PDB file of N, CA and C in Angstrom:
ATOM      1  N   MET A   1      84.464  90.391 116.813  1.00  0.00           N
ATOM      2  CA  MET A   1      84.192  91.696 116.326  1.00  0.00           C
ATOM      3  C   MET A   1      84.123  91.703 114.860  1.00  0.00           C
ATOM      4  N   ALA A   2      83.095  92.099 114.075  1.00  0.00           N
ATOM      5  CA  ALA A   2      82.799  92.127 112.656  1.00  0.00           C
ATOM      6  C   ALA A   2      83.802  93.174 112.107  1.00  0.00           C
ATOM      7  N   ALA A   3      84.238  92.932 110.940  1.00  0.00           N
ATOM      8  CA  ALA A   3      85.031  93.935 110.209  1.00  0.00           C
ATOM      9  C   ALA A   3      84.033  95.021 109.552  1.00  0.00           C
ATOM     10  N   VAL A   4      84.414  96.190 109.576  1.00  0.00           N
ATOM     11  CA  VAL A   4      83.552  97.367 109.030  1.00  0.00           C
ATOM     12  C   VAL A   4      84.473  97.844 107.981  1.00  0.00           C
ATOM     13  N   SER A   5      83.981  97.930 106.705  1.00  0.00           N
ATOM     14  CA  SER A   5      84.728  98.584 105.643  1.00  0.00           C
ATOM     15  C   SER A   5      84.717 100.024 105.741  1.00  0.00           C
ATOM     16  N   GLY A   6      85.903 100.666 105.634  1.00  0.00           N
ATOM     17  CA  GLY A   6      85.831 102.118 105.604  1.00  0.00           C
ATOM     18  C   GLY A   6      85.992 102.791 106.974  1.00  0.00           C
ATOM     19  N   GLY A   7      86.094 102.064 107.999  1.00  0.00           N
ATOM     20  CA  GLY A   7      86.216 102.515 109.401  1.00  0.00           C
ATOM     21  C   GLY A   7      86.683 101.568 110.320  1.00  0.00           C
ATOM     22  N   ALA A   8      86.723 101.895 111.495  1.00  0.00           N
ATOM     23  CA  ALA A   8      87.229 101.078 112.661  1.00  0.00           C
ATOM     24  C   ALA A   8      86.138 100.991 113.741  1.00  0.00           C
ATOM     25  N   MET A   9      86.037  99.918 114.500  1.00  0.00           N
ATOM     26  CA  MET A   9      85.109  99.851 115.669  1.00  0.00           C
ATOM     27  C   MET A   9      85.860 100.385 116.846  1.00  0.00           C
ATOM     28  N   SER A  10      85.184 101.220 117.549  1.00  0.00           N
ATOM     29  CA  SER A  10      85.762 101.690 118.826  1.00  0.00           C
ATOM     30  C   SER A  10      85.480 100.778 120.056  1.00  0.00           C
ATOM     31  N   ALA A  11      86.013 101.029 121.162  1.00  0.00           N
ATOM     32  CA  ALA A  11      85.795 100.124 122.244  1.00  0.00           C
ATOM     33  C   ALA A  11      84.379  99.936 122.674  1.00  0.00           C
ATOM     34  N   GLY A  12      83.502 101.041 122.521  1.00  0.00           N
ATOM     35  CA  GLY A  12      82.085 100.986 122.893  1.00  0.00           C
ATOM     36  C   GLY A  12      81.260 100.294 121.859  1.00  0.00           C
ATOM     37  N   GLY A  13      81.699  99.930 120.721  1.00  0.00           N
ATOM     38  CA  GLY A  13      81.013  99.367 119.630  1.00  0.00           C
ATOM     39  C   GLY A  13      80.495 100.307 118.639  1.00  0.00           C
ATOM     40  N   ASN A  14      80.760 101.612 118.869  1.00  0.00           N
ATOM     41  CA  ASN A  14      80.267 102.649 117.787  1.00  0.00           C
ATOM     42  C   ASN A  14      81.127 102.538 116.638  1.00  0.00           C
ATOM     43  N   GLU A  15      80.630 102.711 115.488  1.00  0.00           N
ATOM     44  CA  GLU A  15      81.335 102.743 114.249  1.00  0.00           C
ATOM     45  C   GLU A  15      81.906 104.055 113.957  1.00  0.00           C
ATOM     46  N   LYS A  16      83.216 104.062 113.677  1.00  0.00           N
ATOM     47  CA  LYS A  16      83.846 105.301 113.306  1.00  0.00           C
ATOM     48  C   LYS A  16      84.361 105.240 111.890  1.00  0.00           C
ATOM     49  N   PHE A  17      84.007 106.240 111.061  1.00  0.00           N
ATOM     50  CA  PHE A  17      84.403 106.247 109.670  1.00  0.00           C
ATOM     51  C   PHE A  17      85.320 107.342 109.347  1.00  0.00           C
ATOM     52  N   LYS A  18      86.251 107.171 108.464  1.00  0.00           N
ATOM     53  CA  LYS A  18      87.180 108.153 108.119  1.00  0.00           C
ATOM     54  C   LYS A  18      86.509 109.181 107.244  1.00  0.00           C
ATOM     55  N   PRO A  19      86.713 110.507 107.449  1.00  0.00           N
ATOM     56  CA  PRO A  19      86.043 111.558 106.705  1.00  0.00           C
ATOM     57  C   PRO A  19      86.573 111.423 105.174  1.00  0.00           C
ATOM     58  N   SER A  20      85.583 111.650 104.303  1.00  0.00           N
ATOM     59  CA  SER A  20      86.058 111.734 102.836  1.00  0.00           C
ATOM     60  C   SER A  20      86.566 113.146 102.589  1.00  0.00           C
ATOM     61  N   LEU A  21      87.672 113.212 101.760  1.00  0.00           N
ATOM     62  CA  LEU A  21      88.196 114.606 101.463  1.00  0.00           C
ATOM     63  C   LEU A  21      87.556 115.143 100.212  1.00  0.00           C
ATOM     64  N   SER A  22      87.323 116.516 100.297  1.00  0.00           N
ATOM     65  CA  SER A  22      86.721 117.240  99.178  1.00  0.00           C
ATOM     66  C   SER A  22      87.760 117.412  98.035  1.00  0.00           C
ATOM     67  N   PHE A  23      87.396 117.885  96.939  1.00  0.00           N
ATOM     68  CA  PHE A  23      88.377 118.035  95.838  1.00  0.00           C
ATOM     69  C   PHE A  23      89.338 119.077  96.150  1.00  0.00           C
ATOM     70  N   SER A  24      88.957 120.181  96.841  1.00  0.00           N
ATOM     71  CA  SER A  24      89.688 121.263  97.099  1.00  0.00           C
ATOM     72  C   SER A  24      90.825 120.789  98.226  1.00  0.00           C
ATOM     73  N   GLN A  25      90.351 119.987  99.156  1.00  0.00           N
ATOM     74  CA  GLN A  25      91.334 119.454 100.139  1.00  0.00           C
ATOM     75  C   GLN A  25      92.418 118.590  99.511  1.00  0.00           C
ATOM     76  N   ILE A  26      91.949 117.808  98.495  1.00  0.00           N
ATOM     77  CA  ILE A  26      93.061 116.972  97.822  1.00  0.00           C
ATOM     78  C   ILE A  26      93.928 117.798  97.012  1.00  0.00           C
ATOM     79  N   ILE A  27      93.472 118.866  96.369  1.00  0.00           N
ATOM     80  CA  ILE A  27      94.382 119.740  95.653  1.00  0.00           C
ATOM     81  C   ILE A  27      95.342 120.537  96.560  1.00  0.00           C
ATOM     82  N   ASN A  28      94.849 120.907  97.752  1.00  0.00           N
ATOM     83  CA  ASN A  28      95.754 121.536  98.665  1.00  0.00           C
ATOM     84  C   ASN A  28      96.822 120.610  99.232  1.00  0.00           C
ATOM     85  N   MET A  29      96.439 119.422  99.330  1.00  0.00           N
ATOM     86  CA  MET A  29      97.332 118.451  99.831  1.00  0.00           C
ATOM     87  C   MET A  29      98.457 118.143  98.798  1.00  0.00           C
ATOM     88  N   ASN A  30      98.011 118.090  97.555  1.00  0.00           N
ATOM     89  CA  ASN A  30      98.945 117.838  96.447  1.00  0.00           C
ATOM     90  C   ASN A  30      99.874 119.027  96.258  1.00  0.00           C
ATOM     91  N   PHE A  31      99.496 120.328  96.508  1.00  0.00           N
ATOM     92  CA  PHE A  31     100.421 121.434  96.488  1.00  0.00           C
ATOM     93  C   PHE A  31     101.575 121.186  97.530  1.00  0.00           C
ATOM     94  N   GLY A  32     101.204 120.786  98.651  1.00  0.00           N
ATOM     95  CA  GLY A  32     102.166 120.454  99.704  1.00  0.00           C
ATOM     96  C   GLY A  32     103.088 119.343  99.299  1.00  0.00           C
ATOM     97  N   PHE A  33     102.662 118.235  98.666  1.00  0.00           N
ATOM     98  CA  PHE A  33     103.517 117.197  98.201  1.00  0.00           C
ATOM     99  C   PHE A  33     104.480 117.630  96.995  1.00  0.00           C
ATOM    100  N   PHE A  34     103.906 118.506  96.141  1.00  0.00           N
ATOM    101  CA  PHE A  34     104.688 119.135  95.212  1.00  0.00           C
ATOM    102  C   PHE A  34     105.851 119.884  95.636  1.00  0.00           C
ATOM    103  N   GLY A  35     105.609 120.667  96.772  1.00  0.00           N
ATOM    104  CA  GLY A  35     106.718 121.497  97.445  1.00  0.00           C
ATOM    105  C   GLY A  35     107.756 120.549  97.987  1.00  0.00           C
ATOM    106  N   ILE A  36     107.314 119.478  98.506  1.00  0.00           N
ATOM    107  CA  ILE A  36     108.259 118.453  99.164  1.00  0.00           C
ATOM    108  C   ILE A  36     109.103 117.830  98.122  1.00  0.00           C
ATOM    109  N   GLN A  37     108.490 117.486  96.942  1.00  0.00           N
ATOM    110  CA  GLN A  37     109.196 116.946  95.775  1.00  0.00           C
ATOM    111  C   GLN A  37     110.177 117.798  95.245  1.00  0.00           C
ATOM    112  N   TYR A  38     109.749 119.120  95.116  1.00  0.00           N
ATOM    113  CA  TYR A  38     110.634 120.133  94.482  1.00  0.00           C
ATOM    114  C   TYR A  38     111.793 120.318  95.395  1.00  0.00           C
ATOM    115  N   SER A  39     111.647 120.486  96.686  1.00  0.00           N
ATOM    116  CA  SER A  39     112.724 120.661  97.603  1.00  0.00           C
ATOM    117  C   SER A  39     113.630 119.443  97.653  1.00  0.00           C
ATOM    118  N   PHE A  40     113.135 118.259  97.451  1.00  0.00           N
ATOM    119  CA  PHE A  40     113.912 117.042  97.302  1.00  0.00           C
ATOM    120  C   PHE A  40     114.728 117.046  96.174  1.00  0.00           C
ATOM    121  N   GLY A  41     114.247 117.562  95.015  1.00  0.00           N
ATOM    122  CA  GLY A  41     115.058 117.704  93.798  1.00  0.00           C
ATOM    123  C   GLY A  41     116.104 118.627  93.909  1.00  0.00           C
ATOM    124  N   LEU A  42     115.880 119.831  94.608  1.00  0.00           N
ATOM    125  CA  LEU A  42     116.873 120.765  94.743  1.00  0.00           C
ATOM    126  C   LEU A  42     118.002 120.228  95.666  1.00  0.00           C
ATOM    127  N   GLN A  43     117.562 119.489  96.538  1.00  0.00           N
ATOM    128  CA  GLN A  43     118.629 118.857  97.490  1.00  0.00           C
ATOM    129  C   GLN A  43     119.452 117.868  96.870  1.00  0.00           C
ATOM    130  N   GLN A  44     118.876 117.075  95.940  1.00  0.00           N
ATOM    131  CA  GLN A  44     119.616 116.065  95.161  1.00  0.00           C
ATOM    132  C   GLN A  44     120.608 116.591  94.271  1.00  0.00           C
ATOM    133  N   THR A  45     120.233 117.835  93.626  1.00  0.00           N
ATOM    134  CA  THR A  45     121.194 118.442  92.703  1.00  0.00           C
ATOM    135  C   THR A  45     122.355 119.191  93.422  1.00  0.00           C
ATOM    136  N   ALA A  46     122.193 119.524  94.701  1.00  0.00           N
ATOM    137  CA  ALA A  46     123.264 120.115  95.424  1.00  0.00           C
ATOM    138  C   ALA A  46     124.131 119.131  96.221  1.00  0.00           C
ATOM    139  N   ILE A  47     123.795 117.779  96.084  1.00  0.00           N
ATOM    140  CA  ILE A  47     124.547 116.901  97.067  1.00  0.00           C
ATOM    141  C   ILE A  47     125.918 116.519  96.359  1.00  0.00           C
ATOM    142  N   ASN A  48     126.095 116.555  95.079  1.00  0.00           N
ATOM    143  CA  ASN A  48     127.284 116.087  94.495  1.00  0.00           C
ATOM    144  C   ASN A  48     128.443 117.046  94.920  1.00  0.00           C
ATOM    145  N   PRO A  49     128.396 118.272  94.996  1.00  0.00           N
ATOM    146  CA  PRO A  49     129.532 119.158  95.515  1.00  0.00           C
ATOM    147  C   PRO A  49     129.878 118.687  96.968  1.00  0.00           C
ATOM    148  N   ILE A  50     128.855 118.391  97.740  1.00  0.00           N
ATOM    149  CA  ILE A  50     129.028 118.010  99.119  1.00  0.00           C
ATOM    150  C   ILE A  50     129.836 116.738  99.208  1.00  0.00           C
ATOM    151  N   TYR A  51     129.389 115.715  98.416  1.00  0.00           N
ATOM    152  CA  TYR A  51     130.273 114.427  98.298  1.00  0.00           C
ATOM    153  C   TYR A  51     131.628 114.670  97.931  1.00  0.00           C
ATOM    154  N   THR A  52     131.851 115.628  96.833  1.00  0.00           N
ATOM    155  CA  THR A  52     133.235 115.887  96.442  1.00  0.00           C
ATOM    156  C   THR A  52     134.013 116.512  97.540  1.00  0.00           C
ATOM    157  N   PHE A  53     133.405 117.399  98.265  1.00  0.00           N
ATOM    158  CA  PHE A  53     134.105 118.099  99.453  1.00  0.00           C
ATOM    159  C   PHE A  53     134.491 117.007 100.398  1.00  0.00           C
ATOM    160  N   LEU A  54     133.716 115.982 100.551  1.00  0.00           N
ATOM    161  CA  LEU A  54     134.035 114.878 101.484  1.00  0.00           C
ATOM    162  C   LEU A  54     135.034 113.869 101.026  1.00  0.00           C
ATOM    163  N   ASN A  55     135.562 114.151  99.785  1.00  0.00           N
ATOM    164  CA  ASN A  55     136.576 113.301  99.120  1.00  0.00           C
ATOM    165  C   ASN A  55     136.063 111.984  98.631  1.00  0.00           C
ATOM    166  N   ALA A  56     134.834 112.058  98.100  1.00  0.00           N
ATOM    167  CA  ALA A  56     134.230 110.933  97.416  1.00  0.00           C
ATOM    168  C   ALA A  56     134.885 110.870  95.981  1.00  0.00           C
ATOM    169  N   ASP A  57     135.042 109.606  95.559  1.00  0.00           N
ATOM    170  CA  ASP A  57     135.568 109.477  94.200  1.00  0.00           C
ATOM    171  C   ASP A  57     134.474 109.857  93.255  1.00  0.00           C
ATOM    172  N   PRO A  58     134.789 110.525  92.169  1.00  0.00           N
ATOM    173  CA  PRO A  58     133.821 110.867  91.118  1.00  0.00           C
ATOM    174  C   PRO A  58     133.006 109.600  90.553  1.00  0.00           C
ATOM    175  N   GLU A  59     133.781 108.431  90.555  1.00  0.00           N
ATOM    176  CA  GLU A  59     133.127 107.280  90.022  1.00  0.00           C
ATOM    177  C   GLU A  59     132.061 106.746  90.988  1.00  0.00           C
ATOM    178  N   SER A  60     132.023 107.137  92.269  1.00  0.00           N
ATOM    179  CA  SER A  60     131.072 106.563  93.163  1.00  0.00           C
ATOM    180  C   SER A  60     129.975 107.541  93.413  1.00  0.00           C
ATOM    181  N   LEU A  61     129.994 108.698  92.774  1.00  0.00           N
ATOM    182  CA  LEU A  61     128.837 109.640  92.949  1.00  0.00           C
ATOM    183  C   LEU A  61     127.414 109.123  92.437  1.00  0.00           C
ATOM    184  N   PRO A  62     127.373 108.308  91.423  1.00  0.00           N
ATOM    185  CA  PRO A  62     126.116 107.810  91.034  1.00  0.00           C
ATOM    186  C   PRO A  62     125.523 106.801  92.094  1.00  0.00           C
ATOM    187  N   ILE A  63     126.350 106.054  92.705  1.00  0.00           N
ATOM    188  CA  ILE A  63     125.819 104.976  93.703  1.00  0.00           C
ATOM    189  C   ILE A  63     125.451 105.892  94.933  1.00  0.00           C
ATOM    190  N   LEU A  64     126.222 106.891  95.329  1.00  0.00           N
ATOM    191  CA  LEU A  64     125.849 107.654  96.457  1.00  0.00           C
ATOM    192  C   LEU A  64     124.680 108.532  96.262  1.00  0.00           C
ATOM    193  N   ASN A  65     124.384 108.917  95.057  1.00  0.00           N
ATOM    194  CA  ASN A  65     123.057 109.540  94.719  1.00  0.00           C
ATOM    195  C   ASN A  65     121.839 108.655  94.842  1.00  0.00           C
ATOM    196  N   LEU A  66     122.085 107.399  94.548  1.00  0.00           N
ATOM    197  CA  LEU A  66     121.046 106.348  94.552  1.00  0.00           C
ATOM    198  C   LEU A  66     120.875 105.821  95.982  1.00  0.00           C
ATOM    199  N   ALA A  67     121.753 106.100  96.959  1.00  0.00           N
ATOM    200  CA  ALA A  67     121.577 105.411  98.177  1.00  0.00           C
ATOM    201  C   ALA A  67     120.403 105.860  98.865  1.00  0.00           C
ATOM    202  N   GLY A  68     120.126 107.148  99.007  1.00  0.00           N
ATOM    203  CA  GLY A  68     118.971 107.721  99.653  1.00  0.00           C
ATOM    204  C   GLY A  68     117.639 107.257  99.117  1.00  0.00           C
ATOM    205  N   PRO A  69     117.401 107.439  97.815  1.00  0.00           N
ATOM    206  CA  PRO A  69     116.140 106.979  97.270  1.00  0.00           C
ATOM    207  C   PRO A  69     115.895 105.502  97.396  1.00  0.00           C
ATOM    208  N   MET A  70     116.973 104.800  97.223  1.00  0.00           N
ATOM    209  CA  MET A  70     116.817 103.266  97.364  1.00  0.00           C
ATOM    210  C   MET A  70     116.517 102.948  98.736  1.00  0.00           C
ATOM    211  N   THR A  71     117.157 103.560  99.661  1.00  0.00           N
ATOM    212  CA  THR A  71     116.850 103.255 101.114  1.00  0.00           C
ATOM    213  C   THR A  71     115.389 103.627 101.380  1.00  0.00           C
ATOM    214  N   GLY A  72     114.918 104.759 100.877  1.00  0.00           N
ATOM    215  CA  GLY A  72     113.469 105.104 101.057  1.00  0.00           C
ATOM    216  C   GLY A  72     112.577 104.177 100.472  1.00  0.00           C
ATOM    217  N   LEU A  73     112.945 103.569  99.324  1.00  0.00           N
ATOM    218  CA  LEU A  73     112.186 102.741  98.606  1.00  0.00           C
ATOM    219  C   LEU A  73     111.900 101.410  99.397  1.00  0.00           C
ATOM    220  N   ILE A  74     113.032 101.014 100.109  1.00  0.00           N
ATOM    221  CA  ILE A  74     112.952  99.812 100.915  1.00  0.00           C
ATOM    222  C   ILE A  74     112.297  99.996 102.254  1.00  0.00           C
ATOM    223  N   ILE A  75     112.709 101.089 103.009  1.00  0.00           N
ATOM    224  CA  ILE A  75     112.246 101.352 104.273  1.00  0.00           C
ATOM    225  C   ILE A  75     110.862 101.856 104.384  1.00  0.00           C
ATOM    226  N   GLN A  76     110.409 102.741 103.495  1.00  0.00           N
ATOM    227  CA  GLN A  76     109.083 103.400 103.580  1.00  0.00           C
ATOM    228  C   GLN A  76     107.939 102.398 103.618  1.00  0.00           C
ATOM    229  N   PRO A  77     107.924 101.324 102.729  1.00  0.00           N
ATOM    230  CA  PRO A  77     106.807 100.331 102.925  1.00  0.00           C
ATOM    231  C   PRO A  77     106.868  99.614 104.189  1.00  0.00           C
ATOM    232  N   LEU A  78     108.014  99.366 104.788  1.00  0.00           N
ATOM    233  CA  LEU A  78     108.086  98.674 106.026  1.00  0.00           C
ATOM    234  C   LEU A  78     107.555  99.571 107.161  1.00  0.00           C
ATOM    235  N   ILE A  79     107.912 100.751 107.158  1.00  0.00           N
ATOM    236  CA  ILE A  79     107.224 101.725 108.125  1.00  0.00           C
ATOM    237  C   ILE A  79     105.763 101.913 107.995  1.00  0.00           C
ATOM    238  N   GLY A  80     105.372 101.915 106.713  1.00  0.00           N
ATOM    239  CA  GLY A  80     103.947 102.096 106.384  1.00  0.00           C
ATOM    240  C   GLY A  80     103.107 100.831 106.955  1.00  0.00           C
ATOM    241  N   ALA A  81     103.740  99.575 106.734  1.00  0.00           N
ATOM    242  CA  ALA A  81     103.115  98.304 107.291  1.00  0.00           C
ATOM    243  C   ALA A  81     102.967  98.279 108.646  1.00  0.00           C
ATOM    244  N   LEU A  82     104.015  98.808 109.293  1.00  0.00           N
ATOM    245  CA  LEU A  82     104.095  98.899 110.800  1.00  0.00           C
ATOM    246  C   LEU A  82     102.952  99.908 111.278  1.00  0.00           C
ATOM    247  N   SER A  83     102.942 101.005 110.712  1.00  0.00           N
ATOM    248  CA  SER A  83     102.005 102.040 111.157  1.00  0.00           C
ATOM    249  C   SER A  83     100.652 101.590 110.926  1.00  0.00           C
ATOM    250  N   ASP A  84     100.359 100.850 109.991  1.00  0.00           N
ATOM    251  CA  ASP A  84      98.980 100.344 109.776  1.00  0.00           C
ATOM    252  C   ASP A  84      98.478  99.445 110.824  1.00  0.00           C
ATOM    253  N   LYS A  85      99.378  98.865 111.683  1.00  0.00           N
ATOM    254  CA  LYS A  85      99.005  98.050 112.657  1.00  0.00           C
ATOM    255  C   LYS A  85      98.945  98.650 114.066  1.00  0.00           C
ATOM    256  N   THR A  86      99.055  99.936 114.021  1.00  0.00           N
ATOM    257  CA  THR A  86      99.083 100.712 115.365  1.00  0.00           C
ATOM    258  C   THR A  86      97.759 101.378 115.645  1.00  0.00           C
ATOM    259  N   TRP A  87      96.615 100.906 115.134  1.00  0.00           N
ATOM    260  CA  TRP A  87      95.371 101.565 115.492  1.00  0.00           C
ATOM    261  C   TRP A  87      95.024 101.210 116.909  1.00  0.00           C
ATOM    262  N   SER A  88      94.357 102.237 117.553  1.00  0.00           N
ATOM    263  CA  SER A  88      94.078 102.102 118.993  1.00  0.00           C
ATOM    264  C   SER A  88      92.546 102.321 119.212  1.00  0.00           C
ATOM    265  N   PRO A  89      91.975 101.709 120.087  1.00  0.00           N
ATOM    266  CA  PRO A  89      90.486 102.010 120.314  1.00  0.00           C
ATOM    267  C   PRO A  89      90.235 103.317 120.956  1.00  0.00           C
ATOM    268  N   LEU A  90      91.302 104.020 121.464  1.00  0.00           N
ATOM    269  CA  LEU A  90      91.228 105.442 121.917  1.00  0.00           C
ATOM    270  C   LEU A  90      90.859 106.336 120.826  1.00  0.00           C
ATOM    271  N   GLU A  91      90.266 107.423 121.216  1.00  0.00           N
ATOM    272  CA  GLU A  91      89.956 108.438 120.234  1.00  0.00           C
ATOM    273  C   GLU A  91      91.170 109.212 119.969  1.00  0.00           C
ATOM    274  N   PHE A  92      91.256 110.000 119.027  1.00  0.00           N
ATOM    275  CA  PHE A  92      92.609 110.798 118.723  1.00  0.00           C
ATOM    276  C   PHE A  92      92.552 112.044 119.651  1.00  0.00           C
ATOM    277  N   ASP A  93      91.442 112.584 120.016  1.00  0.00           N
ATOM    278  CA  ASP A  93      91.407 113.594 121.014  1.00  0.00           C
ATOM    279  C   ASP A  93      91.921 113.280 122.387  1.00  0.00           C
ATOM    280  N   THR A  94      91.568 112.065 122.762  1.00  0.00           N
ATOM    281  CA  THR A  94      92.071 111.462 124.009  1.00  0.00           C
ATOM    282  C   THR A  94      93.568 111.386 124.031  1.00  0.00           C
ATOM    283  N   ILE A  95      94.185 111.015 122.951  1.00  0.00           N
ATOM    284  CA  ILE A  95      95.658 110.927 122.943  1.00  0.00           C
ATOM    285  C   ILE A  95      96.334 112.224 123.053  1.00  0.00           C
ATOM    286  N   LEU A  96      95.781 113.321 122.482  1.00  0.00           N
ATOM    287  CA  LEU A  96      96.417 114.555 122.484  1.00  0.00           C
ATOM    288  C   LEU A  96      96.246 115.263 123.949  1.00  0.00           C
ATOM    289  N   ARG A  97      95.395 114.886 124.755  1.00  0.00           N
ATOM    290  CA  ARG A  97      95.208 115.499 126.063  1.00  0.00           C
ATOM    291  C   ARG A  97      96.264 114.977 127.029  1.00  0.00           C
TER     292      ARG A  97
END
């Protein structure tokens, strides 16, 4: 089976291409990502009192604050690499039915 740039071959041999996003779709997607990052920042600022309530030493708070982002930095590329290998010849509509 020949490789097709920008798309995948389906089981029947028809070429399927990913749709390109318009500028407004990309902007809307970025607003969502901004909201996620903003809420993550709020969560990070509120975590120190929780760690203190759980009797964490004040000296260990910087390490505890770095534990979540560092874990995401290590785990997220692994999950991304695994998900890139999960393409199926089935169509997305067929999976949802």
